Amino acid sequence: MATPDIIFYSAKGSPFSQRVEIAFQEAKADITKYSIDLRDKPEWYASRVNSTGMLPVVVYGSPRSDPEHPSPESAKIAESHILLEFIADLYLDSGLLPKDPVERARVRLFIDAAVTKLTAPTSAFFHGGSPDGFIAALMEIQELLPPTANFAVGDHFTIADAAIAPFLARWELRLRNDVGKFEEGTGLRVYEELFQSERFARLQKYYASISNRESFKNSFDPEYILAMDTGRLGRH
């Protein structure tokens, strides 16, 4: 049975949209991608796609010929972490979720840890707080990584990797370019700790594995994202 038509509404530069795009590419899904400008959303988007106006969204079962007029009967699914599981369920042969229930649980635990441990200290640091909490949180994430495997729960790329890759990439990019509301030079010092020191060797190996995926490279525009982040987080 063929998969119904899929329209993927995304926003350029959004890590949440990139999560979903990575998963679609890993699944080799045949979809229609439609980009929405977050600063100038079309009037029809909220009424026809997502009443909250948020992105990303996947419309499932609507003719792909006209993304501006999706079928009212089609399913409209939001929230990037839910979409990751949805894509894994649609494309079972992709391996985005392992078949083994223990491994599936590990995928979900890794995603939960990445959100609960990293969100608050990351925001605090890049908005001018101490880097200590951010570094400690990434150490906790590193400790979840298998000692010798390439990815979050083994040697196969899963939605756990799609979930964290856009964020890890943005942190690496910001730090390497010293972008944040912290004292000048702080970002570079944290970059050296996280991405060059022996203490974080396993995290560095992991980042190399995910950032070398074609799905990641095809969905990440460092120049655009750096310009966007510099505008939002440049020092006052």
C-alpha atoms as a PDB file:
ATOM      1  CA  MET A   1       0.000   0.000   0.000  1.00  0.00           C
ATOM      2  CA  ALA A   2       1.427   3.364  -1.028  1.00  0.00           C
ATOM      3  CA  THR A   3       2.059   6.047   1.580  1.00  0.00           C
ATOM      4  CA  PRO A   4      -0.456   8.909   1.259  1.00  0.00           C
ATOM      5  CA  ASP A   5       0.875  12.211   0.013  1.00  0.00           C
ATOM      6  CA  ILE A   6       2.817  14.250   2.562  1.00  0.00           C
ATOM      7  CA  ILE A   7       3.357  18.003   2.746  1.00  0.00           C
ATOM      8  CA  PHE A   8       6.079  19.207   5.108  1.00  0.00           C
ATOM      9  CA  TYR A   9       5.781  22.835   6.202  1.00  0.00           C
ATOM     10  CA  SER A  10       9.110  24.061   7.532  1.00  0.00           C
ATOM     11  CA  ALA A  11      10.909  27.257   8.503  1.00  0.00           C
ATOM     12  CA  LYS A  12      14.440  27.966   7.279  1.00  0.00           C
ATOM     13  CA  GLY A  13      16.883  28.177  10.163  1.00  0.00           C
ATOM     14  CA  SER A  14      14.574  26.436  12.632  1.00  0.00           C
ATOM     15  CA  PRO A  15      16.259  23.558  14.498  1.00  0.00           C
ATOM     16  CA  PHE A  16      12.834  21.991  15.040  1.00  0.00           C
ATOM     17  CA  SER A  17      12.167  21.968  11.290  1.00  0.00           C
ATOM     18  CA  GLN A  18      15.633  20.582  10.657  1.00  0.00           C
ATOM     19  CA  ARG A  19      14.951  17.682  13.008  1.00  0.00           C
ATOM     20  CA  VAL A  20      12.005  16.639  10.865  1.00  0.00           C
ATOM     21  CA  GLU A  21      13.788  17.238   7.563  1.00  0.00           C
ATOM     22  CA  ILE A  22      16.679  15.029   8.694  1.00  0.00           C
ATOM     23  CA  ALA A  23      14.257  12.230   9.561  1.00  0.00           C
ATOM     24  CA  PHE A  24      12.475  12.499   6.196  1.00  0.00           C
ATOM     25  CA  GLN A  25      15.797  12.376   4.357  1.00  0.00           C
ATOM     26  CA  GLU A  26      17.012   9.397   6.373  1.00  0.00           C
ATOM     27  CA  ALA A  27      13.747   7.624   5.518  1.00  0.00           C
ATOM     28  CA  LYS A  28      14.180   8.549   1.834  1.00  0.00           C
ATOM     29  CA  ALA A  29      10.623   9.843   1.937  1.00  0.00           C
ATOM     30  CA  ASP A  30       8.918  11.285  -1.118  1.00  0.00           C
ATOM     31  CA  ILE A  31       7.387  14.500   0.215  1.00  0.00           C
ATOM     32  CA  THR A  32       6.502  18.036  -0.784  1.00  0.00           C
ATOM     33  CA  LYS A  33       8.428  20.604   1.252  1.00  0.00           C
ATOM     34  CA  TYR A  34       6.937  24.068   1.670  1.00  0.00           C
ATOM     35  CA  SER A  35       8.956  26.789   3.411  1.00  0.00           C
ATOM     36  CA  ILE A  36       7.238  29.409   5.561  1.00  0.00           C
ATOM     37  CA  ASP A  37       8.892  32.695   6.526  1.00  0.00           C
ATOM     38  CA  LEU A  38       8.465  32.979  10.298  1.00  0.00           C
ATOM     39  CA  ARG A  39       8.641  36.773  10.045  1.00  0.00           C
ATOM     40  CA  ASP A  40       5.987  36.982   7.352  1.00  0.00           C
ATOM     41  CA  LYS A  41       3.642  34.010   7.527  1.00  0.00           C
ATOM     42  CA  PRO A  42       0.973  33.854   4.830  1.00  0.00           C
ATOM     43  CA  GLU A  43      -2.542  34.627   6.022  1.00  0.00           C
ATOM     44  CA  TRP A  44      -3.851  31.219   5.014  1.00  0.00           C
ATOM     45  CA  TYR A  45      -1.366  29.231   7.124  1.00  0.00           C
ATOM     46  CA  ALA A  46      -3.153  29.472  10.486  1.00  0.00           C
ATOM     47  CA  SER A  47      -6.606  28.766   9.081  1.00  0.00           C
ATOM     48  CA  ARG A  48      -5.650  25.936   6.725  1.00  0.00           C
ATOM     49  CA  VAL A  49      -2.673  24.249   8.372  1.00  0.00           C
ATOM     50  CA  ASN A  50      -2.012  25.055  12.041  1.00  0.00           C
ATOM     51  CA  SER A  51      -4.177  27.411  14.080  1.00  0.00           C
ATOM     52  CA  THR A  52      -1.268  28.169  16.441  1.00  0.00           C
ATOM     53  CA  GLY A  53       0.859  29.372  13.550  1.00  0.00           C
ATOM     54  CA  MET A  54       3.755  27.202  14.753  1.00  0.00           C
ATOM     55  CA  LEU A  55       6.127  25.134  12.623  1.00  0.00           C
ATOM     56  CA  PRO A  56       7.014  22.481  11.616  1.00  0.00           C
ATOM     57  CA  VAL A  57       3.819  20.749  10.540  1.00  0.00           C
ATOM     58  CA  VAL A  58       3.207  17.676   8.429  1.00  0.00           C
ATOM     59  CA  VAL A  59      -0.017  17.312   6.459  1.00  0.00           C
ATOM     60  CA  TYR A  60      -0.718  13.673   5.733  1.00  0.00           C
ATOM     61  CA  GLY A  61      -3.107  12.575   3.014  1.00  0.00           C
ATOM     62  CA  SER A  62      -3.554  15.818   1.091  1.00  0.00           C
ATOM     63  CA  PRO A  63      -2.820  16.260  -2.633  1.00  0.00           C
ATOM     64  CA  ARG A  64       0.699  17.620  -2.862  1.00  0.00           C
ATOM     65  CA  SER A  65      -0.042  19.699  -5.930  1.00  0.00           C
ATOM     66  CA  ASP A  66      -1.230  22.683  -3.884  1.00  0.00           C
ATOM     67  CA  PRO A  67       0.342  23.097  -0.424  1.00  0.00           C
ATOM     68  CA  GLU A  68      -1.523  26.384   0.007  1.00  0.00           C
ATOM     69  CA  HIS A  69      -4.820  24.500  -0.078  1.00  0.00           C
ATOM     70  CA  PRO A  70      -4.363  21.239   1.843  1.00  0.00           C
ATOM     71  CA  SER A  71      -7.382  19.014   2.044  1.00  0.00           C
ATOM     72  CA  PRO A  72      -9.563  19.755   5.109  1.00  0.00           C
ATOM     73  CA  GLU A  73      -9.843  15.984   5.637  1.00  0.00           C
ATOM     74  CA  SER A  74      -6.092  15.458   5.848  1.00  0.00           C
ATOM     75  CA  ALA A  75      -4.281  14.881   9.139  1.00  0.00           C
ATOM     76  CA  LYS A  76      -2.304  17.891  10.340  1.00  0.00           C
ATOM     77  CA  ILE A  77       0.425  16.952  12.803  1.00  0.00           C
ATOM     78  CA  ALA A  78       2.628  19.359  14.737  1.00  0.00           C
ATOM     79  CA  GLU A  79       5.446  19.238  17.350  1.00  0.00           C
ATOM     80  CA  SER A  80       8.830  18.103  16.079  1.00  0.00           C
ATOM     81  CA  HIS A  81       9.387  15.307  18.623  1.00  0.00           C
ATOM     82  CA  ILE A  82       5.997  13.797  17.748  1.00  0.00           C
ATOM     83  CA  LEU A  83       6.756  14.130  14.042  1.00  0.00           C
ATOM     84  CA  LEU A  84      10.009  12.218  14.504  1.00  0.00           C
ATOM     85  CA  GLU A  85       8.085   9.239  15.882  1.00  0.00           C
ATOM     86  CA  PHE A  86       5.416   9.634  13.210  1.00  0.00           C
ATOM     87  CA  ILE A  87       8.042   9.419  10.457  1.00  0.00           C
ATOM     88  CA  ALA A  88       9.675   6.413  12.123  1.00  0.00           C
ATOM     89  CA  ASP A  89       6.285   4.687  12.272  1.00  0.00           C
ATOM     90  CA  LEU A  90       5.519   5.512   8.639  1.00  0.00           C
ATOM     91  CA  TYR A  91       8.859   4.233   7.362  1.00  0.00           C
ATOM     92  CA  LEU A  92       9.511   1.172   9.463  1.00  0.00           C
ATOM     93  CA  ASP A  93      12.313  -0.069   7.223  1.00  0.00           C
ATOM     94  CA  SER A  94      14.312   3.119   7.827  1.00  0.00           C
ATOM     95  CA  GLY A  95      15.430   1.941  11.269  1.00  0.00           C
ATOM     96  CA  LEU A  96      14.748   5.394  12.699  1.00  0.00           C
ATOM     97  CA  LEU A  97      13.251   3.523  15.633  1.00  0.00           C
ATOM     98  CA  PRO A  98      14.843   0.149  16.418  1.00  0.00           C
ATOM     99  CA  LYS A  99      12.620  -2.928  16.420  1.00  0.00           C
ATOM    100  CA  ASP A 100      13.901  -4.052  19.807  1.00  0.00           C
ATOM    101  CA  PRO A 101      11.717  -2.525  22.576  1.00  0.00           C
ATOM    102  CA  VAL A 102      14.689  -1.939  24.879  1.00  0.00           C
ATOM    103  CA  GLU A 103      16.517  -0.040  22.147  1.00  0.00           C
ATOM    104  CA  ARG A 104      13.356   1.938  21.391  1.00  0.00           C
ATOM    105  CA  ALA A 105      13.174   2.896  25.047  1.00  0.00           C
ATOM    106  CA  ARG A 106      16.808   4.032  24.941  1.00  0.00           C
ATOM    107  CA  VAL A 107      16.049   6.252  21.962  1.00  0.00           C
ATOM    108  CA  ARG A 108      13.179   7.904  23.829  1.00  0.00           C
ATOM    109  CA  LEU A 109      15.227   8.256  27.020  1.00  0.00           C
ATOM    110  CA  PHE A 110      18.026   9.965  25.097  1.00  0.00           C
ATOM    111  CA  ILE A 111      15.588  12.441  23.538  1.00  0.00           C
ATOM    112  CA  ASP A 112      14.016  13.139  26.930  1.00  0.00           C
ATOM    113  CA  ALA A 113      17.426  13.667  28.524  1.00  0.00           C
ATOM    114  CA  ALA A 114      18.514  16.025  25.761  1.00  0.00           C
ATOM    115  CA  VAL A 115      15.452  18.181  26.403  1.00  0.00           C
ATOM    116  CA  THR A 116      15.264  18.075  30.192  1.00  0.00           C
ATOM    117  CA  LYS A 117      18.989  18.404  30.872  1.00  0.00           C
ATOM    118  CA  LEU A 118      19.995  20.893  28.180  1.00  0.00           C
ATOM    119  CA  THR A 119      17.179  23.370  27.584  1.00  0.00           C
ATOM    120  CA  ALA A 120      17.482  25.573  30.682  1.00  0.00           C
ATOM    121  CA  PRO A 121      21.306  25.694  31.055  1.00  0.00           C
ATOM    122  CA  THR A 122      21.765  26.276  27.324  1.00  0.00           C
ATOM    123  CA  SER A 123      19.394  29.230  27.270  1.00  0.00           C
ATOM    124  CA  ALA A 124      20.929  30.671  30.432  1.00  0.00           C
ATOM    125  CA  PHE A 125      24.489  30.435  29.097  1.00  0.00           C
ATOM    126  CA  PHE A 126      23.896  31.922  25.652  1.00  0.00           C
ATOM    127  CA  HIS A 127      21.946  34.761  27.239  1.00  0.00           C
ATOM    128  CA  GLY A 128      24.875  35.728  29.427  1.00  0.00           C
ATOM    129  CA  GLY A 129      24.925  33.257  32.309  1.00  0.00           C
ATOM    130  CA  SER A 130      27.683  30.989  33.524  1.00  0.00           C
ATOM    131  CA  PRO A 131      28.809  28.230  31.142  1.00  0.00           C
ATOM    132  CA  ASP A 132      29.169  25.744  34.004  1.00  0.00           C
ATOM    133  CA  GLY A 133      25.627  24.369  33.822  1.00  0.00           C
ATOM    134  CA  PHE A 134      25.789  24.053  30.034  1.00  0.00           C
ATOM    135  CA  ILE A 135      29.098  22.171  30.177  1.00  0.00           C
ATOM    136  CA  ALA A 136      27.833  19.904  32.967  1.00  0.00           C
ATOM    137  CA  ALA A 137      24.648  19.111  31.015  1.00  0.00           C
ATOM    138  CA  LEU A 138      26.642  18.152  27.924  1.00  0.00           C
ATOM    139  CA  MET A 139      28.808  15.932  30.088  1.00  0.00           C
ATOM    140  CA  GLU A 140      25.631  14.125  31.191  1.00  0.00           C
ATOM    141  CA  ILE A 141      24.634  13.683  27.560  1.00  0.00           C
ATOM    142  CA  GLN A 142      28.110  12.399  26.718  1.00  0.00           C
ATOM    143  CA  GLU A 143      27.783   9.801  29.476  1.00  0.00           C
ATOM    144  CA  LEU A 144      24.656   8.454  27.761  1.00  0.00           C
ATOM    145  CA  LEU A 145      26.560   7.812  24.532  1.00  0.00           C
ATOM    146  CA  PRO A 146      27.815   4.256  23.960  1.00  0.00           C
ATOM    147  CA  PRO A 147      31.612   4.118  24.455  1.00  0.00           C
ATOM    148  CA  THR A 148      32.430   2.801  20.985  1.00  0.00           C
ATOM    149  CA  ALA A 149      29.300   3.235  18.818  1.00  0.00           C
ATOM    150  CA  ASN A 150      28.842   6.075  16.348  1.00  0.00           C
ATOM    151  CA  PHE A 151      25.362   7.202  17.341  1.00  0.00           C
ATOM    152  CA  ALA A 152      23.192   7.842  20.387  1.00  0.00           C
ATOM    153  CA  VAL A 153      22.090   4.256  20.983  1.00  0.00           C
ATOM    154  CA  GLY A 154      24.358   2.226  18.728  1.00  0.00           C
ATOM    155  CA  ASP A 155      25.774   2.083  15.226  1.00  0.00           C
ATOM    156  CA  HIS A 156      22.512   2.926  13.450  1.00  0.00           C
ATOM    157  CA  PHE A 157      21.182   6.472  13.052  1.00  0.00           C
ATOM    158  CA  THR A 158      17.841   6.957  14.844  1.00  0.00           C
ATOM    159  CA  ILE A 159      15.426   9.736  15.713  1.00  0.00           C
ATOM    160  CA  ALA A 160      17.512  10.291  18.866  1.00  0.00           C
ATOM    161  CA  ASP A 161      20.269  11.603  16.608  1.00  0.00           C
ATOM    162  CA  ALA A 162      17.860  13.616  14.461  1.00  0.00           C
ATOM    163  CA  ALA A 163      16.470  15.207  17.628  1.00  0.00           C
ATOM    164  CA  ILE A 164      19.757  16.569  18.973  1.00  0.00           C
ATOM    165  CA  ALA A 165      21.804  17.134  15.797  1.00  0.00           C
ATOM    166  CA  PRO A 166      20.382  20.581  14.886  1.00  0.00           C
ATOM    167  CA  PHE A 167      20.954  21.901  18.389  1.00  0.00           C
ATOM    168  CA  LEU A 168      24.450  20.502  18.841  1.00  0.00           C
ATOM    169  CA  ALA A 169      25.379  21.978  15.470  1.00  0.00           C
ATOM    170  CA  ARG A 170      24.093  25.416  16.414  1.00  0.00           C
ATOM    171  CA  TRP A 171      25.962  25.376  19.724  1.00  0.00           C
ATOM    172  CA  GLU A 172      29.185  24.375  17.976  1.00  0.00           C
ATOM    173  CA  LEU A 173      28.682  27.139  15.396  1.00  0.00           C
ATOM    174  CA  ARG A 174      27.926  29.816  17.992  1.00  0.00           C
ATOM    175  CA  LEU A 175      30.829  28.865  20.245  1.00  0.00           C
ATOM    176  CA  ARG A 176      33.339  28.657  17.414  1.00  0.00           C
ATOM    177  CA  ASN A 177      32.301  32.173  16.375  1.00  0.00           C
ATOM    178  CA  ASP A 178      31.995  33.490  19.948  1.00  0.00           C
ATOM    179  CA  VAL A 179      28.303  34.355  19.483  1.00  0.00           C
ATOM    180  CA  GLY A 180      26.291  34.863  22.650  1.00  0.00           C
ATOM    181  CA  LYS A 181      25.397  37.464  25.250  1.00  0.00           C
ATOM    182  CA  PHE A 182      28.438  36.585  27.311  1.00  0.00           C
ATOM    183  CA  GLU A 183      31.795  38.247  27.813  1.00  0.00           C
ATOM    184  CA  GLU A 184      33.905  38.302  24.677  1.00  0.00           C
ATOM    185  CA  GLY A 185      36.089  35.198  24.394  1.00  0.00           C
ATOM    186  CA  THR A 186      33.841  33.040  26.586  1.00  0.00           C
ATOM    187  CA  GLY A 187      32.399  31.186  23.622  1.00  0.00           C
ATOM    188  CA  LEU A 188      35.810  30.312  22.270  1.00  0.00           C
ATOM    189  CA  ARG A 189      36.951  28.996  25.656  1.00  0.00           C
ATOM    190  CA  VAL A 190      33.859  26.802  25.936  1.00  0.00           C
ATOM    191  CA  TYR A 191      34.360  25.671  22.328  1.00  0.00           C
ATOM    192  CA  GLU A 192      37.882  24.493  23.145  1.00  0.00           C
ATOM    193  CA  GLU A 193      36.557  22.588  26.164  1.00  0.00           C
ATOM    194  CA  LEU A 194      33.691  20.873  24.374  1.00  0.00           C
ATOM    195  CA  PHE A 195      35.019  20.373  20.856  1.00  0.00           C
ATOM    196  CA  GLN A 196      38.785  20.081  21.276  1.00  0.00           C
ATOM    197  CA  SER A 197      39.631  18.757  24.752  1.00  0.00           C
ATOM    198  CA  GLU A 198      40.202  15.088  25.552  1.00  0.00           C
ATOM    199  CA  ARG A 199      37.550  15.331  28.286  1.00  0.00           C
ATOM    200  CA  PHE A 200      34.818  15.519  25.644  1.00  0.00           C
ATOM    201  CA  ALA A 201      36.359  13.139  23.105  1.00  0.00           C
ATOM    202  CA  ARG A 202      33.281  10.924  22.954  1.00  0.00           C
ATOM    203  CA  LEU A 203      30.989  13.904  22.312  1.00  0.00           C
ATOM    204  CA  GLN A 204      33.340  15.082  19.564  1.00  0.00           C
ATOM    205  CA  LYS A 205      33.265  11.679  17.897  1.00  0.00           C
ATOM    206  CA  TYR A 206      29.485  11.682  18.114  1.00  0.00           C
ATOM    207  CA  TYR A 207      29.204  15.152  16.606  1.00  0.00           C
ATOM    208  CA  ALA A 208      31.476  14.114  13.742  1.00  0.00           C
ATOM    209  CA  SER A 209      29.252  11.100  13.060  1.00  0.00           C
ATOM    210  CA  ILE A 210      26.005  13.051  12.909  1.00  0.00           C
ATOM    211  CA  SER A 211      27.358  16.130  11.136  1.00  0.00           C
ATOM    212  CA  ASN A 212      28.838  13.974   8.358  1.00  0.00           C
ATOM    213  CA  ARG A 213      25.450  12.533   7.436  1.00  0.00           C
ATOM    214  CA  GLU A 214      24.135  13.726   4.089  1.00  0.00           C
ATOM    215  CA  SER A 215      20.761  14.335   5.713  1.00  0.00           C
ATOM    216  CA  PHE A 216      22.400  16.784   8.101  1.00  0.00           C
ATOM    217  CA  LYS A 217      24.541  18.553   5.512  1.00  0.00           C
ATOM    218  CA  ASN A 218      21.595  18.930   3.138  1.00  0.00           C
ATOM    219  CA  SER A 219      19.464  20.594   5.823  1.00  0.00           C
ATOM    220  CA  PHE A 220      22.013  22.867   7.562  1.00  0.00           C
ATOM    221  CA  ASP A 221      22.967  26.302   6.237  1.00  0.00           C
ATOM    222  CA  PRO A 222      25.697  27.545   8.603  1.00  0.00           C
ATOM    223  CA  GLU A 223      26.042  31.011   7.045  1.00  0.00           C
ATOM    224  CA  TYR A 224      22.315  31.698   7.307  1.00  0.00           C
ATOM    225  CA  ILE A 225      22.083  30.346  10.842  1.00  0.00           C
ATOM    226  CA  LEU A 226      25.162  32.218  12.029  1.00  0.00           C
ATOM    227  CA  ALA A 227      23.778  35.484  10.693  1.00  0.00           C
ATOM    228  CA  MET A 228      20.425  34.796  12.346  1.00  0.00           C
ATOM    229  CA  ASP A 229      21.996  33.863  15.698  1.00  0.00           C
ATOM    230  CA  THR A 230      24.389  36.806  15.636  1.00  0.00           C
ATOM    231  CA  GLY A 231      21.417  39.116  15.190  1.00  0.00           C
ATOM    232  CA  ARG A 232      19.594  37.539  18.120  1.00  0.00           C
ATOM    233  CA  LEU A 233      22.487  36.837  20.481  1.00  0.00           C
ATOM    234  CA  GLY A 234      25.242  39.284  19.593  1.00  0.00           C
ATOM    235  CA  ARG A 235      26.747  40.991  22.595  1.00  0.00           C
ATOM    236  CA  HIS A 236      25.227  44.349  23.565  1.00  0.00           C
END
